[in-house]
Amino acid sequence: MINSTTEVARTMGRRLVIAEQAVLRAMRSRLVDDRGEGVISMAIAILVIAALGVAMYAVFQGVGEAAGDKATESINNIGG
């Protein structure tokens, strides 16, 4: 009777160790998978903002050139 109880306790102990190791492996893999997530998101955000900046600069240059051309034309009309 004592031997069978001891054997059951050992078997349960082994199962608990195996379950604990499985939980630890799952936690480690979850933590490893999420590393770098913030860095990637930040890089994407920076690229989007840079693209918006380039588009705004191009629009600003076009507006500036158009305004300059219109001002030059108005000045030439006054003198002529």
C-alpha atoms as a PDB file:
ATOM      1  CA  MET A   1       0.000   0.000   0.000  1.00  0.00           C
ATOM      2  CA  ILE A   2       2.755   2.451   0.883  1.00  0.00           C
ATOM      3  CA  ASN A   3       4.690   1.615  -2.289  1.00  0.00           C
ATOM      4  CA  SER A   4       1.690   2.280  -4.532  1.00  0.00           C
ATOM      5  CA  THR A   5       0.967   5.593  -2.756  1.00  0.00           C
ATOM      6  CA  THR A   6       4.597   6.616  -3.124  1.00  0.00           C
ATOM      7  CA  GLU A   7       4.546   5.672  -6.794  1.00  0.00           C
ATOM      8  CA  VAL A   8       1.360   7.705  -7.375  1.00  0.00           C
ATOM      9  CA  ALA A   9       2.959  10.709  -5.660  1.00  0.00           C
ATOM     10  CA  ARG A  10       6.082  10.374  -7.803  1.00  0.00           C
ATOM     11  CA  THR A  11       3.983  10.114 -10.960  1.00  0.00           C
ATOM     12  CA  MET A  12       1.970  13.194 -10.018  1.00  0.00           C
ATOM     13  CA  GLY A  13       5.183  15.039  -9.191  1.00  0.00           C
ATOM     14  CA  ARG A  14       6.629  14.209 -12.608  1.00  0.00           C
ATOM     15  CA  ARG A  15       3.443  15.371 -14.320  1.00  0.00           C
ATOM     16  CA  LEU A  16       3.528  18.636 -12.390  1.00  0.00           C
ATOM     17  CA  VAL A  17       7.148  19.218 -13.405  1.00  0.00           C
ATOM     18  CA  ILE A  18       6.300  18.522 -17.049  1.00  0.00           C
ATOM     19  CA  ALA A  19       3.307  20.879 -16.876  1.00  0.00           C
ATOM     20  CA  GLU A  20       5.427  23.567 -15.222  1.00  0.00           C
ATOM     21  CA  GLN A  21       8.074  23.261 -17.912  1.00  0.00           C
ATOM     22  CA  ALA A  22       5.431  23.522 -20.638  1.00  0.00           C
ATOM     23  CA  VAL A  23       3.991  26.675 -19.061  1.00  0.00           C
ATOM     24  CA  LEU A  24       7.459  28.206 -18.741  1.00  0.00           C
ATOM     25  CA  ARG A  25       8.267  27.376 -22.377  1.00  0.00           C
ATOM     26  CA  ALA A  26       5.003  28.962 -23.514  1.00  0.00           C
ATOM     27  CA  MET A  27       5.674  32.100 -21.471  1.00  0.00           C
ATOM     28  CA  ARG A  28       9.231  32.384 -22.800  1.00  0.00           C
ATOM     29  CA  SER A  29       8.122  31.986 -26.413  1.00  0.00           C
ATOM     30  CA  ARG A  30       5.378  34.594 -25.897  1.00  0.00           C
ATOM     31  CA  LEU A  31       7.847  37.073 -24.450  1.00  0.00           C
ATOM     32  CA  VAL A  32      10.377  36.434 -27.204  1.00  0.00           C
ATOM     33  CA  ASP A  33       7.749  36.844 -29.925  1.00  0.00           C
ATOM     34  CA  ASP A  34       6.733  40.311 -28.737  1.00  0.00           C
ATOM     35  CA  ARG A  35      10.233  41.700 -28.557  1.00  0.00           C
ATOM     36  CA  GLY A  36      10.802  44.420 -31.114  1.00  0.00           C
ATOM     37  CA  GLU A  37       7.100  45.047 -31.701  1.00  0.00           C
ATOM     38  CA  GLY A  38       7.359  48.642 -30.486  1.00  0.00           C
ATOM     39  CA  VAL A  39      10.440  49.315 -32.588  1.00  0.00           C
ATOM     40  CA  ILE A  40       8.745  48.091 -35.751  1.00  0.00           C
ATOM     41  CA  SER A  41       5.615  50.137 -35.052  1.00  0.00           C
ATOM     42  CA  MET A  42       7.710  53.236 -34.423  1.00  0.00           C
ATOM     43  CA  ALA A  43       9.631  52.731 -37.670  1.00  0.00           C
ATOM     44  CA  ILE A  44       6.392  52.450 -39.632  1.00  0.00           C
ATOM     45  CA  ALA A  45       5.042  55.605 -37.980  1.00  0.00           C
ATOM     46  CA  ILE A  46       8.239  57.506 -38.831  1.00  0.00           C
ATOM     47  CA  LEU A  47       8.046  56.397 -42.465  1.00  0.00           C
ATOM     48  CA  VAL A  48       4.415  57.511 -42.735  1.00  0.00           C
ATOM     49  CA  ILE A  49       5.215  60.913 -41.226  1.00  0.00           C
ATOM     50  CA  ALA A  50       8.225  61.297 -43.545  1.00  0.00           C
ATOM     51  CA  ALA A  51       6.043  60.539 -46.582  1.00  0.00           C
ATOM     52  CA  LEU A  52       3.498  63.131 -45.436  1.00  0.00           C
ATOM     53  CA  GLY A  53       6.317  65.641 -44.988  1.00  0.00           C
ATOM     54  CA  VAL A  54       7.571  65.063 -48.538  1.00  0.00           C
ATOM     55  CA  ALA A  55       4.053  65.477 -49.934  1.00  0.00           C
ATOM     56  CA  MET A  56       3.516  68.694 -47.968  1.00  0.00           C
ATOM     57  CA  TYR A  57       6.857  70.075 -49.177  1.00  0.00           C
ATOM     58  CA  ALA A  58       5.971  69.328 -52.807  1.00  0.00           C
ATOM     59  CA  VAL A  59       2.604  71.080 -52.430  1.00  0.00           C
ATOM     60  CA  PHE A  60       4.266  74.044 -50.712  1.00  0.00           C
ATOM     61  CA  GLN A  61       6.814  74.363 -53.533  1.00  0.00           C
ATOM     62  CA  GLY A  62       4.041  74.264 -56.149  1.00  0.00           C
ATOM     63  CA  VAL A  63       2.006  76.924 -54.350  1.00  0.00           C
ATOM     64  CA  GLY A  64       5.093  79.100 -53.921  1.00  0.00           C
ATOM     65  CA  GLU A  65       6.024  78.876 -57.593  1.00  0.00           C
ATOM     66  CA  ALA A  66       2.469  79.598 -58.708  1.00  0.00           C
ATOM     67  CA  ALA A  67       2.256  82.621 -56.412  1.00  0.00           C
ATOM     68  CA  GLY A  68       5.635  83.865 -57.637  1.00  0.00           C
ATOM     69  CA  ASP A  69       4.628  83.501 -61.281  1.00  0.00           C
ATOM     70  CA  LYS A  70       1.347  85.321 -60.663  1.00  0.00           C
ATOM     71  CA  ALA A  71       3.129  88.145 -58.820  1.00  0.00           C
ATOM     72  CA  THR A  72       5.677  88.526 -61.621  1.00  0.00           C
ATOM     73  CA  GLU A  73       2.908  88.621 -64.220  1.00  0.00           C
ATOM     74  CA  SER A  74       0.996  91.272 -62.245  1.00  0.00           C
ATOM     75  CA  ILE A  75       4.127  93.415 -61.878  1.00  0.00           C
ATOM     76  CA  ASN A  76       4.870  93.174 -65.607  1.00  0.00           C
ATOM     77  CA  ASN A  77       1.282  94.193 -66.418  1.00  0.00           C
ATOM     78  CA  ILE A  78       1.556  97.297 -64.230  1.00  0.00           C
ATOM     79  CA  GLY A  79       4.716  98.488 -65.971  1.00  0.00           C
ATOM     80  CA  GLY A  80       3.520  97.834 -69.463  1.00  0.00           C
END
